[in-house]
C-alpha atoms as a PDB file:
ATOM      1  CA  MET A   1     -46.453  24.414 -27.378  1.00  0.00           C
ATOM      2  CA  GLU A   2     -44.058  22.343 -29.088  1.00  0.00           C
ATOM      3  CA  ASN A   3     -43.580  18.982 -28.058  1.00  0.00           C
ATOM      4  CA  LEU A   4     -40.480  18.994 -25.626  1.00  0.00           C
ATOM      5  CA  THR A   5     -37.604  16.161 -25.371  1.00  0.00           C
ATOM      6  CA  GLU A   6     -36.656  14.843 -22.031  1.00  0.00           C
ATOM      7  CA  ILE A   7     -32.882  14.878 -21.439  1.00  0.00           C
ATOM      8  CA  VAL A   8     -31.964  12.911 -18.149  1.00  0.00           C
ATOM      9  CA  THR A   9     -28.352  13.697 -16.863  1.00  0.00           C
ATOM     10  CA  PRO A  10     -26.217  10.777 -15.540  1.00  0.00           C
ATOM     11  CA  SER A  11     -27.564  11.579 -12.003  1.00  0.00           C
ATOM     12  CA  GLY A  12     -31.247  11.365 -12.884  1.00  0.00           C
ATOM     13  CA  HIS A  13     -31.792  15.377 -13.544  1.00  0.00           C
ATOM     14  CA  LYS A  14     -34.461  15.884 -16.023  1.00  0.00           C
ATOM     15  CA  ALA A  15     -34.758  18.810 -18.567  1.00  0.00           C
ATOM     16  CA  TYR A  16     -37.478  19.487 -20.996  1.00  0.00           C
ATOM     17  CA  VAL A  17     -36.071  20.770 -23.811  1.00  0.00           C
ATOM     18  CA  LYS A  18     -37.789  22.472 -27.137  1.00  0.00           C
ATOM     19  CA  PRO A  19     -36.616  21.129 -30.159  1.00  0.00           C
ATOM     20  CA  ARG A  20     -35.503  24.164 -31.775  1.00  0.00           C
ATOM     21  CA  LEU A  21     -34.745  27.974 -31.352  1.00  0.00           C
ATOM     22  CA  THR A  22     -37.195  30.445 -33.005  1.00  0.00           C
ATOM     23  CA  TYR A  23     -35.627  32.725 -35.257  1.00  0.00           C
ATOM     24  CA  ALA A  24     -35.507  35.583 -32.871  1.00  0.00           C
ATOM     25  CA  GLU A  25     -33.979  33.577 -30.470  1.00  0.00           C
ATOM     26  CA  TYR A  26     -31.503  32.421 -33.028  1.00  0.00           C
ATOM     27  CA  ARG A  27     -30.437  35.679 -33.720  1.00  0.00           C
ATOM     28  CA  ALA A  28     -30.256  36.810 -30.188  1.00  0.00           C
ATOM     29  CA  VAL A  29     -27.332  33.545 -29.756  1.00  0.00           C
ATOM     30  CA  GLN A  30     -25.553  34.979 -32.899  1.00  0.00           C
ATOM     31  CA  ARG A  31     -25.336  38.238 -31.575  1.00  0.00           C
ATOM     32  CA  THR A  32     -23.976  37.049 -28.352  1.00  0.00           C
ATOM     33  CA  LEU A  33     -21.580  34.541 -30.408  1.00  0.00           C
ATOM     34  CA  THR A  34     -20.317  37.219 -32.662  1.00  0.00           C
ATOM     35  CA  SER A  35     -19.909  40.017 -30.028  1.00  0.00           C
ATOM     36  CA  ASP A  36     -16.242  38.892 -29.427  1.00  0.00           C
ATOM     37  CA  TYR A  37     -14.437  37.806 -32.299  1.00  0.00           C
ATOM     38  CA  GLU A  38     -11.480  38.286 -34.830  1.00  0.00           C
ATOM     39  CA  ILE A  39     -10.773  37.599 -38.232  1.00  0.00           C
ATOM     40  CA  ASP A  40      -7.372  36.380 -39.722  1.00  0.00           C
ATOM     41  CA  PRO A  41      -6.697  38.429 -42.672  1.00  0.00           C
ATOM     42  CA  ALA A  42      -4.244  36.212 -44.217  1.00  0.00           C
ATOM     43  CA  THR A  43      -6.755  33.032 -44.085  1.00  0.00           C
ATOM     44  CA  LYS A  44     -10.275  34.610 -43.540  1.00  0.00           C
ATOM     45  CA  LYS A  45     -10.983  32.386 -40.529  1.00  0.00           C
ATOM     46  CA  ILE A  46     -12.902  33.508 -37.630  1.00  0.00           C
ATOM     47  CA  LYS A  47     -11.541  32.973 -34.185  1.00  0.00           C
ATOM     48  CA  TYR A  48     -14.087  33.308 -31.773  1.00  0.00           C
ATOM     49  CA  TYR A  49     -13.355  33.928 -28.016  1.00  0.00           C
ATOM     50  CA  GLY A  50     -14.227  31.983 -25.256  1.00  0.00           C
ATOM     51  CA  ASN A  51     -16.615  34.398 -23.396  1.00  0.00           C
ATOM     52  CA  ALA A  52     -18.771  34.982 -26.364  1.00  0.00           C
ATOM     53  CA  ILE A  53     -19.147  31.149 -26.827  1.00  0.00           C
ATOM     54  CA  TYR A  54     -19.891  30.736 -23.144  1.00  0.00           C
ATOM     55  CA  LYS A  55     -22.291  33.343 -22.900  1.00  0.00           C
ATOM     56  CA  SER A  56     -24.095  32.073 -26.325  1.00  0.00           C
ATOM     57  CA  GLN A  57     -24.530  28.434 -24.874  1.00  0.00           C
ATOM     58  CA  ASP A  58     -26.354  30.065 -21.688  1.00  0.00           C
ATOM     59  CA  LEU A  59     -28.383  32.143 -23.957  1.00  0.00           C
ATOM     60  CA  ALA A  60     -29.322  29.015 -25.860  1.00  0.00           C
ATOM     61  CA  VAL A  61     -29.954  26.896 -22.650  1.00  0.00           C
ATOM     62  CA  LYS A  62     -32.107  29.586 -21.174  1.00  0.00           C
ATOM     63  CA  PHE A  63     -34.158  29.652 -24.393  1.00  0.00           C
ATOM     64  CA  LEU A  64     -34.417  25.835 -25.093  1.00  0.00           C
ATOM     65  CA  VAL A  65     -34.724  24.337 -21.314  1.00  0.00           C
ATOM     66  CA  GLN A  66     -38.310  24.804 -20.602  1.00  0.00           C
ATOM     67  CA  LYS A  67     -38.192  23.038 -17.240  1.00  0.00           C
ATOM     68  CA  ILE A  68     -35.931  20.826 -14.872  1.00  0.00           C
ATOM     69  CA  ILE A  69     -37.043  18.317 -12.294  1.00  0.00           C
ATOM     70  CA  ASP A  70     -33.949  17.556 -10.211  1.00  0.00           C
ATOM     71  CA  LYS A  71     -33.182  14.018  -9.108  1.00  0.00           C
ATOM     72  CA  ASP A  72     -35.107  14.817  -5.843  1.00  0.00           C
ATOM     73  CA  GLY A  73     -38.131  15.409  -7.911  1.00  0.00           C
ATOM     74  CA  LYS A  74     -38.148  19.247  -7.065  1.00  0.00           C
ATOM     75  CA  GLU A  75     -39.274  21.302 -10.138  1.00  0.00           C
ATOM     76  CA  TYR A  76     -37.663  24.533 -11.788  1.00  0.00           C
ATOM     77  CA  THR A  77     -38.787  26.971 -14.739  1.00  0.00           C
ATOM     78  CA  GLY A  78     -38.049  30.160 -16.276  1.00  0.00           C
ATOM     79  CA  GLU A  79     -34.803  32.383 -14.685  1.00  0.00           C
ATOM     80  CA  ASN A  80     -33.946  29.691 -12.193  1.00  0.00           C
ATOM     81  CA  ILE A  81     -32.941  27.150 -14.736  1.00  0.00           C
ATOM     82  CA  LEU A  82     -28.968  28.276 -15.130  1.00  0.00           C
ATOM     83  CA  THR A  83     -28.659  28.659 -11.574  1.00  0.00           C
ATOM     84  CA  VAL A  84     -30.210  25.154 -11.048  1.00  0.00           C
ATOM     85  CA  ILE A  85     -27.807  23.683 -13.796  1.00  0.00           C
ATOM     86  CA  GLY A  86     -25.002  25.610 -12.063  1.00  0.00           C
ATOM     87  CA  SER A  87     -25.329  23.798  -9.030  1.00  0.00           C
ATOM     88  CA  TRP A  88     -24.944  20.405 -10.518  1.00  0.00           C
ATOM     89  CA  GLU A  89     -22.027  18.193 -10.828  1.00  0.00           C
ATOM     90  CA  VAL A  90     -19.518  18.984 -13.774  1.00  0.00           C
ATOM     91  CA  VAL A  91     -20.902  15.571 -15.564  1.00  0.00           C
ATOM     92  CA  ASP A  92     -24.737  16.742 -15.465  1.00  0.00           C
ATOM     93  CA  GLY A  93     -24.004  19.971 -16.561  1.00  0.00           C
ATOM     94  CA  GLU A  94     -21.493  19.019 -19.261  1.00  0.00           C
ATOM     95  CA  TYR A  95     -23.957  16.287 -20.392  1.00  0.00           C
ATOM     96  CA  LEU A  96     -26.715  18.671 -20.635  1.00  0.00           C
ATOM     97  CA  TYR A  97     -24.582  21.223 -22.439  1.00  0.00           C
ATOM     98  CA  THR A  98     -23.600  18.787 -25.059  1.00  0.00           C
ATOM     99  CA  GLU A  99     -27.198  17.782 -25.669  1.00  0.00           C
ATOM    100  CA  ILE A 100     -28.412  21.509 -26.061  1.00  0.00           C
ATOM    101  CA  ASP A 101     -25.288  22.163 -28.283  1.00  0.00           C
ATOM    102  CA  LYS A 102     -26.673  19.229 -30.792  1.00  0.00           C
ATOM    103  CA  LEU A 103     -30.160  21.110 -31.002  1.00  0.00           C
ATOM    104  CA  SER A 104     -28.424  24.576 -31.388  1.00  0.00           C
ATOM    105  CA  LYS A 105     -26.397  23.000 -34.463  1.00  0.00           C
ATOM    106  CA  ALA A 106     -29.660  21.554 -35.878  1.00  0.00           C
ATOM    107  CA  SER A 107     -30.734  25.313 -35.873  1.00  0.00           C
ATOM    108  CA  GLY A 108     -27.680  26.338 -37.657  1.00  0.00           C
ATOM    109  CA  ILE A 109     -25.485  27.954 -34.555  1.00  0.00           C
ATOM    110  CA  PRO A 110     -21.982  26.899 -34.861  1.00  0.00           C
ATOM    111  CA  THR A 111     -20.871  25.238 -31.694  1.00  0.00           C
ATOM    112  CA  ASP A 112     -17.473  23.494 -32.863  1.00  0.00           C
ATOM    113  CA  VAL A 113     -15.522  26.801 -33.384  1.00  0.00           C
ATOM    114  CA  LYS A 114     -12.037  26.981 -31.890  1.00  0.00           C
ATOM    115  CA  LYS A 115     -11.931  28.034 -28.007  1.00  0.00           C
ATOM    116  CA  ASN A 116      -9.345  30.404 -26.957  1.00  0.00           C
END
């Protein structure tokens, strides 16, 4: 197993994250991201819509986060990951997603697209 990076949120939740997506995971996130977009014929710029962006971010989190230990010491893995993160304070969830976006970007997934 790859070395996991520990990300500690402002409230003390710990997420243990893989350093990168596999190619198959990357393709799955790309498929989700590109499922809802349009191309401006005049400028050739791609405009992604928010729903696809949020779905692709959630998918990247599911792939990358291997384990969470909440601030009370309870451990979560697998399908519970998004539910656990969803129960956190906004500052903690945003912090974790920002860190995940950095890892996703390192894997070549655009995360700085315009949200509508």
